[in-house]
Amino acid sequence: MVHAPEIDGLSSMQKEYLLAMAQDDGPSSTGEIAKRLKRDAGYANVYRTQLIKEDVIYSPAWGQVDFKLPYMRNPIVTLHRR
């Protein structure tokens, strides 16, 4: 659980954002994440920005985000199931 300390300090909405990202095999569309969260793009962007500042995710291209740490998708899903 190397990633647990990284995740434990995040807000519940930040964790929900990561869970929405974890559904994809690679970079996630920010528009698709907003849909999965059932929120508008502006609302989702607040959490995107926070997670980028926390150095948990990054933007590889316009309108996309991806996990900064390798192999983070699986721990996100596992922690959500607890």
N, C-alpha and C. Protein backbone atom coordinates (compact mmCIF):
# COMPACT_ATOMS: atom_id res chain seq x y z
N MET A 1 0.83 -1.19 0.00
CA MET A 1 0.00 0.00 0.00
C MET A 1 0.87 1.25 0.00
N VAL A 2 1.79 1.29 -0.92
CA VAL A 2 2.68 2.44 -1.06
C VAL A 2 1.89 3.71 -1.34
N HIS A 3 0.79 3.60 -2.05
CA HIS A 3 0.01 4.78 -2.43
C HIS A 3 -0.96 5.25 -1.35
N ALA A 4 -1.19 4.46 -0.32
CA ALA A 4 -2.17 4.81 0.71
C ALA A 4 -1.89 6.16 1.36
N PRO A 5 -0.65 6.47 1.75
CA PRO A 5 -0.41 7.79 2.35
C PRO A 5 -0.76 8.94 1.40
N GLU A 6 -0.54 8.74 0.14
CA GLU A 6 -0.86 9.75 -0.87
C GLU A 6 -2.36 9.99 -0.93
N ILE A 7 -3.13 8.95 -0.79
CA ILE A 7 -4.58 9.01 -0.94
C ILE A 7 -5.28 9.41 0.36
N ASP A 8 -4.76 8.97 1.49
CA ASP A 8 -5.42 9.19 2.78
C ASP A 8 -5.68 10.66 3.10
N GLY A 9 -4.80 11.55 2.68
CA GLY A 9 -4.95 12.96 3.00
C GLY A 9 -5.89 13.73 2.08
N LEU A 10 -6.48 13.05 1.11
CA LEU A 10 -7.34 13.73 0.14
C LEU A 10 -8.78 13.82 0.64
N SER A 11 -9.50 14.82 0.15
CA SER A 11 -10.91 14.96 0.49
C SER A 11 -11.73 13.85 -0.20
N SER A 12 -12.94 13.66 0.25
CA SER A 12 -13.78 12.62 -0.35
C SER A 12 -14.06 12.93 -1.82
N MET A 13 -14.23 14.19 -2.18
CA MET A 13 -14.49 14.53 -3.58
C MET A 13 -13.24 14.34 -4.44
N GLN A 14 -12.07 14.61 -3.88
CA GLN A 14 -10.84 14.34 -4.62
C GLN A 14 -10.71 12.84 -4.88
N LYS A 15 -11.07 12.03 -3.90
CA LYS A 15 -11.03 10.57 -4.07
C LYS A 15 -12.04 10.12 -5.11
N GLU A 16 -13.21 10.74 -5.13
CA GLU A 16 -14.21 10.41 -6.14
C GLU A 16 -13.70 10.76 -7.54
N TYR A 17 -13.00 11.87 -7.65
CA TYR A 17 -12.41 12.26 -8.94
C TYR A 17 -11.43 11.18 -9.39
N LEU A 18 -10.57 10.73 -8.47
CA LEU A 18 -9.60 9.69 -8.81
C LEU A 18 -10.29 8.38 -9.18
N LEU A 19 -11.36 8.07 -8.49
CA LEU A 19 -12.10 6.85 -8.81
C LEU A 19 -12.70 6.95 -10.21
N ALA A 20 -13.20 8.12 -10.57
CA ALA A 20 -13.73 8.32 -11.92
C ALA A 20 -12.62 8.16 -12.96
N MET A 21 -11.43 8.61 -12.63
CA MET A 21 -10.28 8.43 -13.54
C MET A 21 -9.88 6.96 -13.65
N ALA A 22 -9.97 6.24 -12.56
CA ALA A 22 -9.50 4.85 -12.51
C ALA A 22 -10.30 3.93 -13.42
N GLN A 23 -11.43 4.38 -13.92
CA GLN A 23 -12.23 3.58 -14.83
C GLN A 23 -11.59 3.46 -16.21
N ASP A 24 -10.64 4.33 -16.50
CA ASP A 24 -9.98 4.33 -17.80
C ASP A 24 -8.65 3.60 -17.73
N ASP A 25 -8.23 3.04 -18.87
CA ASP A 25 -6.96 2.33 -18.93
C ASP A 25 -5.77 3.25 -19.14
N GLY A 26 -6.03 4.47 -19.54
CA GLY A 26 -4.97 5.44 -19.80
C GLY A 26 -5.47 6.81 -19.41
N PRO A 27 -4.95 7.86 -20.07
CA PRO A 27 -5.40 9.21 -19.75
C PRO A 27 -6.92 9.34 -19.84
N SER A 28 -7.48 10.13 -18.95
CA SER A 28 -8.93 10.32 -18.87
C SER A 28 -9.32 11.66 -19.46
N SER A 29 -10.46 11.68 -20.10
CA SER A 29 -11.04 12.92 -20.60
C SER A 29 -11.66 13.67 -19.42
N THR A 30 -11.32 14.95 -19.27
CA THR A 30 -11.88 15.72 -18.17
C THR A 30 -13.40 15.87 -18.31
N GLY A 31 -13.89 15.94 -19.53
CA GLY A 31 -15.33 16.01 -19.75
C GLY A 31 -16.03 14.73 -19.32
N GLU A 32 -15.41 13.60 -19.60
CA GLU A 32 -15.97 12.31 -19.20
C GLU A 32 -15.96 12.16 -17.68
N ILE A 33 -14.92 12.64 -17.04
CA ILE A 33 -14.87 12.59 -15.57
C ILE A 33 -16.02 13.39 -14.98
N ALA A 34 -16.26 14.58 -15.51
CA ALA A 34 -17.37 15.41 -15.02
C ALA A 34 -18.70 14.67 -15.17
N LYS A 35 -18.88 13.98 -16.29
CA LYS A 35 -20.11 13.20 -16.49
C LYS A 35 -20.22 12.08 -15.46
N ARG A 36 -19.13 11.39 -15.22
CA ARG A 36 -19.15 10.29 -14.24
C ARG A 36 -19.45 10.80 -12.84
N LEU A 37 -18.99 12.01 -12.55
CA LEU A 37 -19.25 12.61 -11.24
C LEU A 37 -20.63 13.25 -11.16
N LYS A 38 -21.31 13.33 -12.31
CA LYS A 38 -22.63 13.98 -12.42
C LYS A 38 -22.54 15.44 -11.97
N ARG A 39 -21.47 16.09 -12.44
CA ARG A 39 -21.21 17.50 -12.13
C ARG A 39 -20.85 18.22 -13.43
N ASP A 40 -20.92 19.55 -13.39
CA ASP A 40 -20.50 20.28 -14.58
C ASP A 40 -18.97 20.37 -14.60
N ALA A 41 -18.45 20.74 -15.77
CA ALA A 41 -17.00 20.76 -15.97
C ALA A 41 -16.30 21.74 -15.01
N GLY A 42 -16.93 22.87 -14.71
CA GLY A 42 -16.33 23.84 -13.81
C GLY A 42 -16.14 23.29 -12.41
N TYR A 43 -17.15 22.56 -11.93
CA TYR A 43 -17.08 21.95 -10.60
C TYR A 43 -15.96 20.91 -10.58
N ALA A 44 -15.93 20.04 -11.58
CA ALA A 44 -14.91 18.99 -11.64
C ALA A 44 -13.51 19.59 -11.77
N ASN A 45 -13.41 20.72 -12.47
CA ASN A 45 -12.11 21.35 -12.66
C ASN A 45 -11.49 21.82 -11.35
N VAL A 46 -12.31 22.19 -10.38
CA VAL A 46 -11.79 22.58 -9.07
C VAL A 46 -10.96 21.44 -8.48
N TYR A 47 -11.47 20.23 -8.56
CA TYR A 47 -10.79 19.07 -7.99
C TYR A 47 -9.62 18.63 -8.86
N ARG A 48 -9.76 18.78 -10.16
CA ARG A 48 -8.64 18.52 -11.08
C ARG A 48 -7.46 19.41 -10.69
N THR A 49 -7.72 20.69 -10.52
CA THR A 49 -6.68 21.64 -10.18
C THR A 49 -6.03 21.30 -8.83
N GLN A 50 -6.84 20.96 -7.85
CA GLN A 50 -6.30 20.59 -6.54
C GLN A 50 -5.40 19.37 -6.63
N LEU A 51 -5.84 18.35 -7.38
CA LEU A 51 -5.06 17.12 -7.50
C LEU A 51 -3.76 17.34 -8.26
N ILE A 52 -3.78 18.26 -9.22
CA ILE A 52 -2.54 18.60 -9.92
C ILE A 52 -1.59 19.31 -8.95
N LYS A 53 -2.11 20.22 -8.15
CA LYS A 53 -1.28 20.92 -7.16
C LYS A 53 -0.72 19.96 -6.12
N GLU A 54 -1.50 18.93 -5.77
CA GLU A 54 -1.05 17.92 -4.80
C GLU A 54 -0.06 16.94 -5.43
N ASP A 55 0.15 17.08 -6.75
CA ASP A 55 1.09 16.24 -7.50
C ASP A 55 0.64 14.78 -7.58
N VAL A 56 -0.68 14.58 -7.59
CA VAL A 56 -1.24 13.23 -7.69
C VAL A 56 -1.55 12.89 -9.14
N ILE A 57 -1.99 13.89 -9.91
CA ILE A 57 -2.29 13.71 -11.33
C ILE A 57 -1.59 14.79 -12.13
N TYR A 58 -1.59 14.63 -13.45
CA TYR A 58 -1.04 15.65 -14.34
C TYR A 58 -1.86 15.67 -15.62
N SER A 59 -1.65 16.67 -16.43
CA SER A 59 -2.36 16.81 -17.69
C SER A 59 -1.41 16.54 -18.85
N PRO A 60 -1.50 15.35 -19.47
CA PRO A 60 -0.60 15.03 -20.57
C PRO A 60 -0.95 15.76 -21.87
N ALA A 61 -2.21 16.22 -21.97
CA ALA A 61 -2.68 16.95 -23.15
C ALA A 61 -3.91 17.74 -22.75
N TRP A 62 -4.29 18.70 -23.59
CA TRP A 62 -5.47 19.52 -23.30
C TRP A 62 -6.69 18.62 -23.13
N GLY A 63 -7.43 18.82 -22.05
CA GLY A 63 -8.65 18.07 -21.81
C GLY A 63 -8.45 16.66 -21.29
N GLN A 64 -7.24 16.36 -20.86
CA GLN A 64 -6.94 15.02 -20.35
C GLN A 64 -6.17 15.12 -19.02
N VAL A 65 -6.35 14.10 -18.22
CA VAL A 65 -5.57 13.94 -16.99
C VAL A 65 -5.14 12.48 -16.86
N ASP A 66 -4.07 12.28 -16.14
CA ASP A 66 -3.58 10.92 -15.89
C ASP A 66 -2.93 10.89 -14.52
N PHE A 67 -2.79 9.69 -13.98
CA PHE A 67 -2.15 9.52 -12.68
C PHE A 67 -0.66 9.81 -12.78
N LYS A 68 -0.13 10.51 -11.82
CA LYS A 68 1.29 10.85 -11.79
C LYS A 68 2.13 9.65 -11.36
N LEU A 69 1.64 8.92 -10.37
CA LEU A 69 2.37 7.77 -9.85
C LEU A 69 2.02 6.52 -10.64
N PRO A 70 3.01 5.72 -10.99
CA PRO A 70 2.72 4.50 -11.73
C PRO A 70 1.87 3.52 -10.91
N TYR A 71 1.05 2.79 -11.58
CA TYR A 71 0.23 1.74 -10.98
C TYR A 71 -0.76 2.25 -9.94
N MET A 72 -1.21 3.48 -10.06
CA MET A 72 -2.11 4.03 -9.05
C MET A 72 -3.57 3.64 -9.28
N ARG A 73 -3.95 3.28 -10.49
CA ARG A 73 -5.34 2.93 -10.77
C ARG A 73 -5.86 1.81 -9.87
N ASN A 74 -5.12 0.74 -9.75
CA ASN A 74 -5.59 -0.41 -8.96
C ASN A 74 -5.75 -0.09 -7.48
N PRO A 75 -4.80 0.60 -6.84
CA PRO A 75 -5.01 0.94 -5.42
C PRO A 75 -6.22 1.85 -5.22
N ILE A 76 -6.50 2.75 -6.17
CA ILE A 76 -7.66 3.63 -6.04
C ILE A 76 -8.92 2.79 -5.97
N VAL A 77 -9.05 1.84 -6.86
CA VAL A 77 -10.24 0.99 -6.89
C VAL A 77 -10.29 0.13 -5.63
N THR A 78 -9.15 -0.40 -5.21
CA THR A 78 -9.10 -1.23 -4.00
C THR A 78 -9.50 -0.43 -2.77
N LEU A 79 -8.98 0.77 -2.61
CA LEU A 79 -9.32 1.60 -1.44
C LEU A 79 -10.79 1.98 -1.43
N HIS A 80 -11.37 2.15 -2.60
CA HIS A 80 -12.78 2.51 -2.68
C HIS A 80 -13.68 1.37 -2.17
N ARG A 81 -13.22 0.15 -2.36
CA ARG A 81 -14.02 -1.03 -1.97
C ARG A 81 -13.99 -1.28 -0.48
N ARG A 82 -13.11 -0.64 0.26
CA ARG A 82 -13.01 -0.86 1.72
C ARG A 82 -14.28 -0.49 2.44
